[in-house]
Amino acid sequence: MLSQLRPAIVSFLVLTVITGLLYPLAVTAVAQVAFPAQANGSLIFKDGKAVGSTLIGQPFDDPQYFWGRLSATAPFP
């Protein structure tokens, strides 16, 4: 029985390390090198402080809208 259980446990541990540690670290490293702004959330800075993200919100230019949310205005929230 141990001869059947040991390969299963070893496979489980090896795949856990690969998929749970090595792969996420590799993807994060590539993203930080290739796309640093996007990998960190596409933040908008005002006076050295993060005030929002370019990925959240949208500008409202059409007069039919009363006004947009504060987080949905360009270029700063």
PDB file of N, CA and C in Angstrom:
ATOM      1  N   MET A   1       0.825  -1.193   0.000  1.00  0.00           N
ATOM      2  CA  MET A   1       0.000   0.000   0.000  1.00  0.00           C
ATOM      3  C   MET A   1       0.868   1.256   0.000  1.00  0.00           C
ATOM      4  N   LEU A   2       1.942   1.253   0.753  1.00  0.00           N
ATOM      5  CA  LEU A   2       2.836   2.410   0.795  1.00  0.00           C
ATOM      6  C   LEU A   2       3.458   2.669  -0.574  1.00  0.00           C
ATOM      7  N   SER A   3       3.692   1.619  -1.334  1.00  0.00           N
ATOM      8  CA  SER A   3       4.279   1.791  -2.666  1.00  0.00           C
ATOM      9  C   SER A   3       3.309   2.508  -3.610  1.00  0.00           C
ATOM     10  N   GLN A   4       2.029   2.450  -3.349  1.00  0.00           N
ATOM     11  CA  GLN A   4       1.044   3.159  -4.161  1.00  0.00           C
ATOM     12  C   GLN A   4       0.761   4.564  -3.622  1.00  0.00           C
ATOM     13  N   LEU A   5       0.879   4.716  -2.336  1.00  0.00           N
ATOM     14  CA  LEU A   5       0.564   5.999  -1.708  1.00  0.00           C
ATOM     15  C   LEU A   5       1.689   7.016  -1.871  1.00  0.00           C
ATOM     16  N   ARG A   6       2.920   6.559  -1.805  1.00  0.00           N
ATOM     17  CA  ARG A   6       4.061   7.468  -1.863  1.00  0.00           C
ATOM     18  C   ARG A   6       4.115   8.261  -3.177  1.00  0.00           C
ATOM     19  N   PRO A   7       3.994   7.644  -4.360  1.00  0.00           N
ATOM     20  CA  PRO A   7       4.012   8.446  -5.593  1.00  0.00           C
ATOM     21  C   PRO A   7       2.875   9.472  -5.654  1.00  0.00           C
ATOM     22  N   ALA A   8       1.737   9.134  -5.107  1.00  0.00           N
ATOM     23  CA  ALA A   8       0.612  10.070  -5.101  1.00  0.00           C
ATOM     24  C   ALA A   8       0.923  11.281  -4.226  1.00  0.00           C
ATOM     25  N   ILE A   9       1.486  11.054  -3.067  1.00  0.00           N
ATOM     26  CA  ILE A   9       1.825  12.156  -2.157  1.00  0.00           C
ATOM     27  C   ILE A   9       2.934  13.017  -2.745  1.00  0.00           C
ATOM     28  N   VAL A  10       3.954  12.380  -3.312  1.00  0.00           N
ATOM     29  CA  VAL A  10       5.052  13.132  -3.917  1.00  0.00           C
ATOM     30  C   VAL A  10       4.537  13.963  -5.097  1.00  0.00           C
ATOM     31  N   SER A  11       3.706  13.371  -5.934  1.00  0.00           N
ATOM     32  CA  SER A  11       3.129  14.106  -7.064  1.00  0.00           C
ATOM     33  C   SER A  11       2.301  15.287  -6.575  1.00  0.00           C
ATOM     34  N   PHE A  12       1.512  15.071  -5.543  1.00  0.00           N
ATOM     35  CA  PHE A  12       0.697  16.141  -4.973  1.00  0.00           C
ATOM     36  C   PHE A  12       1.575  17.289  -4.487  1.00  0.00           C
ATOM     37  N   LEU A  13       2.631  16.980  -3.761  1.00  0.00           N
ATOM     38  CA  LEU A  13       3.511  18.016  -3.227  1.00  0.00           C
ATOM     39  C   LEU A  13       4.256  18.753  -4.339  1.00  0.00           C
ATOM     40  N   VAL A  14       4.757  18.022  -5.317  1.00  0.00           N
ATOM     41  CA  VAL A  14       5.486  18.652  -6.418  1.00  0.00           C
ATOM     42  C   VAL A  14       4.563  19.570  -7.218  1.00  0.00           C
ATOM     43  N   LEU A  15       3.381  19.095  -7.548  1.00  0.00           N
ATOM     44  CA  LEU A  15       2.447  19.919  -8.309  1.00  0.00           C
ATOM     45  C   LEU A  15       1.942  21.110  -7.498  1.00  0.00           C
ATOM     46  N   THR A  16       1.808  20.945  -6.191  1.00  0.00           N
ATOM     47  CA  THR A  16       1.417  22.063  -5.335  1.00  0.00           C
ATOM     48  C   THR A  16       2.475  23.152  -5.357  1.00  0.00           C
ATOM     49  N   VAL A  17       3.738  22.767  -5.280  1.00  0.00           N
ATOM     50  CA  VAL A  17       4.826  23.748  -5.319  1.00  0.00           C
ATOM     51  C   VAL A  17       4.873  24.437  -6.681  1.00  0.00           C
ATOM     52  N   ILE A  18       4.713  23.662  -7.747  1.00  0.00           N
ATOM     53  CA  ILE A  18       4.778  24.246  -9.088  1.00  0.00           C
ATOM     54  C   ILE A  18       3.611  25.196  -9.336  1.00  0.00           C
ATOM     55  N   THR A  19       2.395  24.730  -9.101  1.00  0.00           N
ATOM     56  CA  THR A  19       1.220  25.544  -9.428  1.00  0.00           C
ATOM     57  C   THR A  19       0.882  26.580  -8.363  1.00  0.00           C
ATOM     58  N   GLY A  20       1.315  26.367  -7.141  1.00  0.00           N
ATOM     59  CA  GLY A  20       0.979  27.293  -6.065  1.00  0.00           C
ATOM     60  C   GLY A  20       2.052  28.308  -5.756  1.00  0.00           C
ATOM     61  N   LEU A  21       3.296  28.017  -6.136  1.00  0.00           N
ATOM     62  CA  LEU A  21       4.394  28.932  -5.825  1.00  0.00           C
ATOM     63  C   LEU A  21       5.164  29.377  -7.060  1.00  0.00           C
ATOM     64  N   LEU A  22       5.709  28.432  -7.794  1.00  0.00           N
ATOM     65  CA  LEU A  22       6.599  28.785  -8.898  1.00  0.00           C
ATOM     66  C   LEU A  22       5.882  29.507 -10.036  1.00  0.00           C
ATOM     67  N   TYR A  23       4.763  28.985 -10.477  1.00  0.00           N
ATOM     68  CA  TYR A  23       4.037  29.617 -11.587  1.00  0.00           C
ATOM     69  C   TYR A  23       3.547  31.028 -11.228  1.00  0.00           C
ATOM     70  N   PRO A  24       2.893  31.234 -10.084  1.00  0.00           N
ATOM     71  CA  PRO A  24       2.479  32.608  -9.741  1.00  0.00           C
ATOM     72  C   PRO A  24       3.653  33.577  -9.605  1.00  0.00           C
ATOM     73  N   LEU A  25       4.763  33.124  -9.048  1.00  0.00           N
ATOM     74  CA  LEU A  25       5.929  33.998  -8.930  1.00  0.00           C
ATOM     75  C   LEU A  25       6.499  34.345 -10.302  1.00  0.00           C
ATOM     76  N   ALA A  26       6.539  33.378 -11.207  1.00  0.00           N
ATOM     77  CA  ALA A  26       7.050  33.628 -12.555  1.00  0.00           C
ATOM     78  C   ALA A  26       6.151  34.600 -13.309  1.00  0.00           C
ATOM     79  N   VAL A  27       4.849  34.420 -13.227  1.00  0.00           N
ATOM     80  CA  VAL A  27       3.916  35.313 -13.923  1.00  0.00           C
ATOM     81  C   VAL A  27       4.000  36.724 -13.344  1.00  0.00           C
ATOM     82  N   THR A  28       4.105  36.848 -12.040  1.00  0.00           N
ATOM     83  CA  THR A  28       4.232  38.154 -11.405  1.00  0.00           C
ATOM     84  C   THR A  28       5.527  38.840 -11.820  1.00  0.00           C
ATOM     85  N   ALA A  29       6.621  38.096 -11.866  1.00  0.00           N
ATOM     86  CA  ALA A  29       7.908  38.667 -12.269  1.00  0.00           C
ATOM     87  C   ALA A  29       7.866  39.155 -13.711  1.00  0.00           C
ATOM     88  N   VAL A  30       7.314  38.368 -14.613  1.00  0.00           N
ATOM     89  CA  VAL A  30       7.213  38.776 -16.019  1.00  0.00           C
ATOM     90  C   VAL A  30       6.326  40.010 -16.144  1.00  0.00           C
ATOM     91  N   ALA A  31       5.221  40.046 -15.437  1.00  0.00           N
ATOM     92  CA  ALA A  31       4.312  41.192 -15.501  1.00  0.00           C
ATOM     93  C   ALA A  31       4.983  42.454 -14.970  1.00  0.00           C
ATOM     94  N   GLN A  32       5.724  42.349 -13.892  1.00  0.00           N
ATOM     95  CA  GLN A  32       6.393  43.518 -13.319  1.00  0.00           C
ATOM     96  C   GLN A  32       7.467  44.064 -14.249  1.00  0.00           C
ATOM     97  N   VAL A  33       8.128  43.182 -14.992  1.00  0.00           N
ATOM     98  CA  VAL A  33       9.176  43.625 -15.912  1.00  0.00           C
ATOM     99  C   VAL A  33       8.569  44.169 -17.205  1.00  0.00           C
ATOM    100  N   ALA A  34       7.604  43.455 -17.763  1.00  0.00           N
ATOM    101  CA  ALA A  34       7.052  43.824 -19.066  1.00  0.00           C
ATOM    102  C   ALA A  34       6.005  44.935 -18.984  1.00  0.00           C
ATOM    103  N   PHE A  35       5.171  44.922 -17.961  1.00  0.00           N
ATOM    104  CA  PHE A  35       4.064  45.882 -17.839  1.00  0.00           C
ATOM    105  C   PHE A  35       3.968  46.397 -16.402  1.00  0.00           C
ATOM    106  N   PRO A  36       4.923  47.174 -15.933  1.00  0.00           N
ATOM    107  CA  PRO A  36       4.919  47.556 -14.512  1.00  0.00           C
ATOM    108  C   PRO A  36       3.711  48.385 -14.084  1.00  0.00           C
ATOM    109  N   ALA A  37       3.269  49.326 -14.902  1.00  0.00           N
ATOM    110  CA  ALA A  37       2.130  50.165 -14.503  1.00  0.00           C
ATOM    111  C   ALA A  37       0.848  49.350 -14.436  1.00  0.00           C
ATOM    112  N   GLN A  38       0.614  48.521 -15.442  1.00  0.00           N
ATOM    113  CA  GLN A  38      -0.597  47.713 -15.473  1.00  0.00           C
ATOM    114  C   GLN A  38      -0.573  46.641 -14.390  1.00  0.00           C
ATOM    115  N   ALA A  39       0.586  46.071 -14.118  1.00  0.00           N
ATOM    116  CA  ALA A  39       0.685  45.019 -13.108  1.00  0.00           C
ATOM    117  C   ALA A  39       0.403  45.559 -11.710  1.00  0.00           C
ATOM    118  N   ASN A  40       0.602  46.856 -11.531  1.00  0.00           N
ATOM    119  CA  ASN A  40       0.354  47.464 -10.226  1.00  0.00           C
ATOM    120  C   ASN A  40      -1.003  48.141 -10.133  1.00  0.00           C
ATOM    121  N   GLY A  41      -1.861  47.947 -11.123  1.00  0.00           N
ATOM    122  CA  GLY A  41      -3.227  48.444 -11.035  1.00  0.00           C
ATOM    123  C   GLY A  41      -3.531  49.689 -11.834  1.00  0.00           C
ATOM    124  N   SER A  42      -2.617  50.161 -12.681  1.00  0.00           N
ATOM    125  CA  SER A  42      -2.834  51.362 -13.501  1.00  0.00           C
ATOM    126  C   SER A  42      -3.283  52.537 -12.635  1.00  0.00           C
ATOM    127  N   LEU A  43      -2.538  52.801 -11.590  1.00  0.00           N
ATOM    128  CA  LEU A  43      -2.921  53.827 -10.621  1.00  0.00           C
ATOM    129  C   LEU A  43      -2.734  55.233 -11.171  1.00  0.00           C
ATOM    130  N   ILE A  44      -3.583  56.135 -10.708  1.00  0.00           N
ATOM    131  CA  ILE A  44      -3.487  57.559 -11.021  1.00  0.00           C
ATOM    132  C   ILE A  44      -2.964  58.246  -9.763  1.00  0.00           C
ATOM    133  N   PHE A  45      -1.900  59.034  -9.924  1.00  0.00           N
ATOM    134  CA  PHE A  45      -1.301  59.721  -8.788  1.00  0.00           C
ATOM    135  C   PHE A  45      -1.548  61.216  -8.893  1.00  0.00           C
ATOM    136  N   LYS A  46      -1.837  61.816  -7.754  1.00  0.00           N
ATOM    137  CA  LYS A  46      -1.995  63.265  -7.655  1.00  0.00           C
ATOM    138  C   LYS A  46      -1.244  63.709  -6.414  1.00  0.00           C
ATOM    139  N   ASP A  47      -0.291  64.588  -6.588  1.00  0.00           N
ATOM    140  CA  ASP A  47       0.559  65.067  -5.495  1.00  0.00           C
ATOM    141  C   ASP A  47       1.260  63.916  -4.790  1.00  0.00           C
ATOM    142  N   GLY A  48       1.711  62.925  -5.555  1.00  0.00           N
ATOM    143  CA  GLY A  48       2.447  61.799  -4.996  1.00  0.00           C
ATOM    144  C   GLY A  48       1.604  60.770  -4.271  1.00  0.00           C
ATOM    145  N   LYS A  49       0.295  60.909  -4.319  1.00  0.00           N
ATOM    146  CA  LYS A  49      -0.601  59.986  -3.625  1.00  0.00           C
ATOM    147  C   LYS A  49      -1.520  59.317  -4.642  1.00  0.00           C
ATOM    148  N   ALA A  50      -1.709  58.008  -4.500  1.00  0.00           N
ATOM    149  CA  ALA A  50      -2.607  57.283  -5.393  1.00  0.00           C
ATOM    150  C   ALA A  50      -4.042  57.704  -5.101  1.00  0.00           C
ATOM    151  N   VAL A  51      -4.736  58.185  -6.144  1.00  0.00           N
ATOM    152  CA  VAL A  51      -6.104  58.672  -5.961  1.00  0.00           C
ATOM    153  C   VAL A  51      -7.134  57.869  -6.737  1.00  0.00           C
ATOM    154  N   GLY A  52      -6.696  56.947  -7.565  1.00  0.00           N
ATOM    155  CA  GLY A  52      -7.642  56.146  -8.338  1.00  0.00           C
ATOM    156  C   GLY A  52      -6.926  55.251  -9.315  1.00  0.00           C
ATOM    157  N   SER A  53      -7.688  54.670 -10.203  1.00  0.00           N
ATOM    158  CA  SER A  53      -7.163  53.780 -11.231  1.00  0.00           C
ATOM    159  C   SER A  53      -7.794  54.136 -12.569  1.00  0.00           C
ATOM    160  N   THR A  54      -7.009  54.014 -13.630  1.00  0.00           N
ATOM    161  CA  THR A  54      -7.541  54.278 -14.965  1.00  0.00           C
ATOM    162  C   THR A  54      -8.494  53.187 -15.417  1.00  0.00           C
ATOM    163  N   LEU A  55      -8.531  52.082 -14.709  1.00  0.00           N
ATOM    164  CA  LEU A  55      -9.387  50.962 -15.083  1.00  0.00           C
ATOM    165  C   LEU A  55     -10.794  51.084 -14.513  1.00  0.00           C
ATOM    166  N   ILE A  56     -11.016  52.047 -13.615  1.00  0.00           N
ATOM    167  CA  ILE A  56     -12.310  52.185 -12.949  1.00  0.00           C
ATOM    168  C   ILE A  56     -12.924  53.523 -13.338  1.00  0.00           C
ATOM    169  N   GLY A  57     -14.180  53.500 -13.705  1.00  0.00           N
ATOM    170  CA  GLY A  57     -14.898  54.730 -14.021  1.00  0.00           C
ATOM    171  C   GLY A  57     -14.792  55.096 -15.483  1.00  0.00           C
ATOM    172  N   GLN A  58     -15.557  56.096 -15.868  1.00  0.00           N
ATOM    173  CA  GLN A  58     -15.573  56.591 -17.241  1.00  0.00           C
ATOM    174  C   GLN A  58     -16.042  58.036 -17.221  1.00  0.00           C
ATOM    175  N   PRO A  59     -15.600  58.840 -18.192  1.00  0.00           N
ATOM    176  CA  PRO A  59     -16.064  60.227 -18.234  1.00  0.00           C
ATOM    177  C   PRO A  59     -17.490  60.318 -18.768  1.00  0.00           C
ATOM    178  N   PHE A  60     -18.245  61.294 -18.279  1.00  0.00           N
ATOM    179  CA  PHE A  60     -19.602  61.552 -18.743  1.00  0.00           C
ATOM    180  C   PHE A  60     -19.595  62.891 -19.470  1.00  0.00           C
ATOM    181  N   ASP A  61     -19.646  62.866 -20.802  1.00  0.00           N
ATOM    182  CA  ASP A  61     -19.635  64.094 -21.593  1.00  0.00           C
ATOM    183  C   ASP A  61     -21.010  64.438 -22.155  1.00  0.00           C
ATOM    184  N   ASP A  62     -21.909  63.503 -22.157  1.00  0.00           N
ATOM    185  CA  ASP A  62     -23.237  63.704 -22.732  1.00  0.00           C
ATOM    186  C   ASP A  62     -24.093  64.526 -21.764  1.00  0.00           C
ATOM    187  N   PRO A  63     -24.743  65.603 -22.223  1.00  0.00           N
ATOM    188  CA  PRO A  63     -25.521  66.452 -21.323  1.00  0.00           C
ATOM    189  C   PRO A  63     -26.737  65.763 -20.707  1.00  0.00           C
ATOM    190  N   GLN A  64     -27.138  64.599 -21.216  1.00  0.00           N
ATOM    191  CA  GLN A  64     -28.295  63.918 -20.632  1.00  0.00           C
ATOM    192  C   GLN A  64     -28.001  63.365 -19.238  1.00  0.00           C
ATOM    193  N   TYR A  65     -26.723  63.254 -18.907  1.00  0.00           N
ATOM    194  CA  TYR A  65     -26.370  62.750 -17.582  1.00  0.00           C
ATOM    195  C   TYR A  65     -26.283  63.917 -16.607  1.00  0.00           C
ATOM    196  N   PHE A  66     -26.822  63.715 -15.412  1.00  0.00           N
ATOM    197  CA  PHE A  66     -26.786  64.769 -14.400  1.00  0.00           C
ATOM    198  C   PHE A  66     -25.337  65.055 -14.025  1.00  0.00           C
ATOM    199  N   TRP A  67     -24.667  64.078 -13.466  1.00  0.00           N
ATOM    200  CA  TRP A  67     -23.220  64.101 -13.288  1.00  0.00           C
ATOM    201  C   TRP A  67     -22.761  62.697 -12.936  1.00  0.00           C
ATOM    202  N   GLY A  68     -21.532  62.430 -13.264  1.00  0.00           N
ATOM    203  CA  GLY A  68     -20.974  61.099 -13.013  1.00  0.00           C
ATOM    204  C   GLY A  68     -20.513  60.964 -11.576  1.00  0.00           C
ATOM    205  N   ARG A  69     -20.266  59.749 -11.194  1.00  0.00           N
ATOM    206  CA  ARG A  69     -19.692  59.508  -9.869  1.00  0.00           C
ATOM    207  C   ARG A  69     -18.314  60.153  -9.802  1.00  0.00           C
ATOM    208  N   LEU A  70     -17.884  60.519  -8.619  1.00  0.00           N
ATOM    209  CA  LEU A  70     -16.573  61.134  -8.471  1.00  0.00           C
ATOM    210  C   LEU A  70     -15.468  60.216  -8.962  1.00  0.00           C
ATOM    211  N   SER A  71     -15.654  58.917  -8.829  1.00  0.00           N
ATOM    212  CA  SER A  71     -14.635  57.979  -9.276  1.00  0.00           C
ATOM    213  C   SER A  71     -14.691  57.758 -10.776  1.00  0.00           C
ATOM    214  N   ALA A  72     -15.609  58.394 -11.472  1.00  0.00           N
ATOM    215  CA  ALA A  72     -15.799  58.136 -12.896  1.00  0.00           C
ATOM    216  C   ALA A  72     -15.500  59.355 -13.751  1.00  0.00           C
ATOM    217  N   THR A  73     -14.681  60.264 -13.275  1.00  0.00           N
ATOM    218  CA  THR A  73     -14.366  61.454 -14.044  1.00  0.00           C
ATOM    219  C   THR A  73     -12.917  61.414 -14.495  1.00  0.00           C
ATOM    220  N   ALA A  74     -12.610  62.102 -15.563  1.00  0.00           N
ATOM    221  CA  ALA A  74     -11.253  62.090 -16.105  1.00  0.00           C
ATOM    222  C   ALA A  74     -10.605  63.437 -15.826  1.00  0.00           C
ATOM    223  N   PRO A  75      -9.333  63.571 -15.727  1.00  0.00           N
ATOM    224  CA  PRO A  75      -8.363  62.504 -15.609  1.00  0.00           C
ATOM    225  C   PRO A  75      -8.152  62.042 -14.173  1.00  0.00           C
ATOM    226  N   PHE A  76      -8.667  62.794 -13.212  1.00  0.00           N
ATOM    227  CA  PHE A  76      -8.519  62.395 -11.811  1.00  0.00           C
ATOM    228  C   PHE A  76      -9.893  62.252 -11.173  1.00  0.00           C
ATOM    229  N   PRO A  77     -10.008  61.311 -10.256  1.00  0.00           N
ATOM    230  CA  PRO A  77     -11.293  61.170  -9.545  1.00  0.00           C
ATOM    231  C   PRO A  77     -11.547  62.329  -8.610  1.00  0.00           C
TER     232      PRO A  77
END
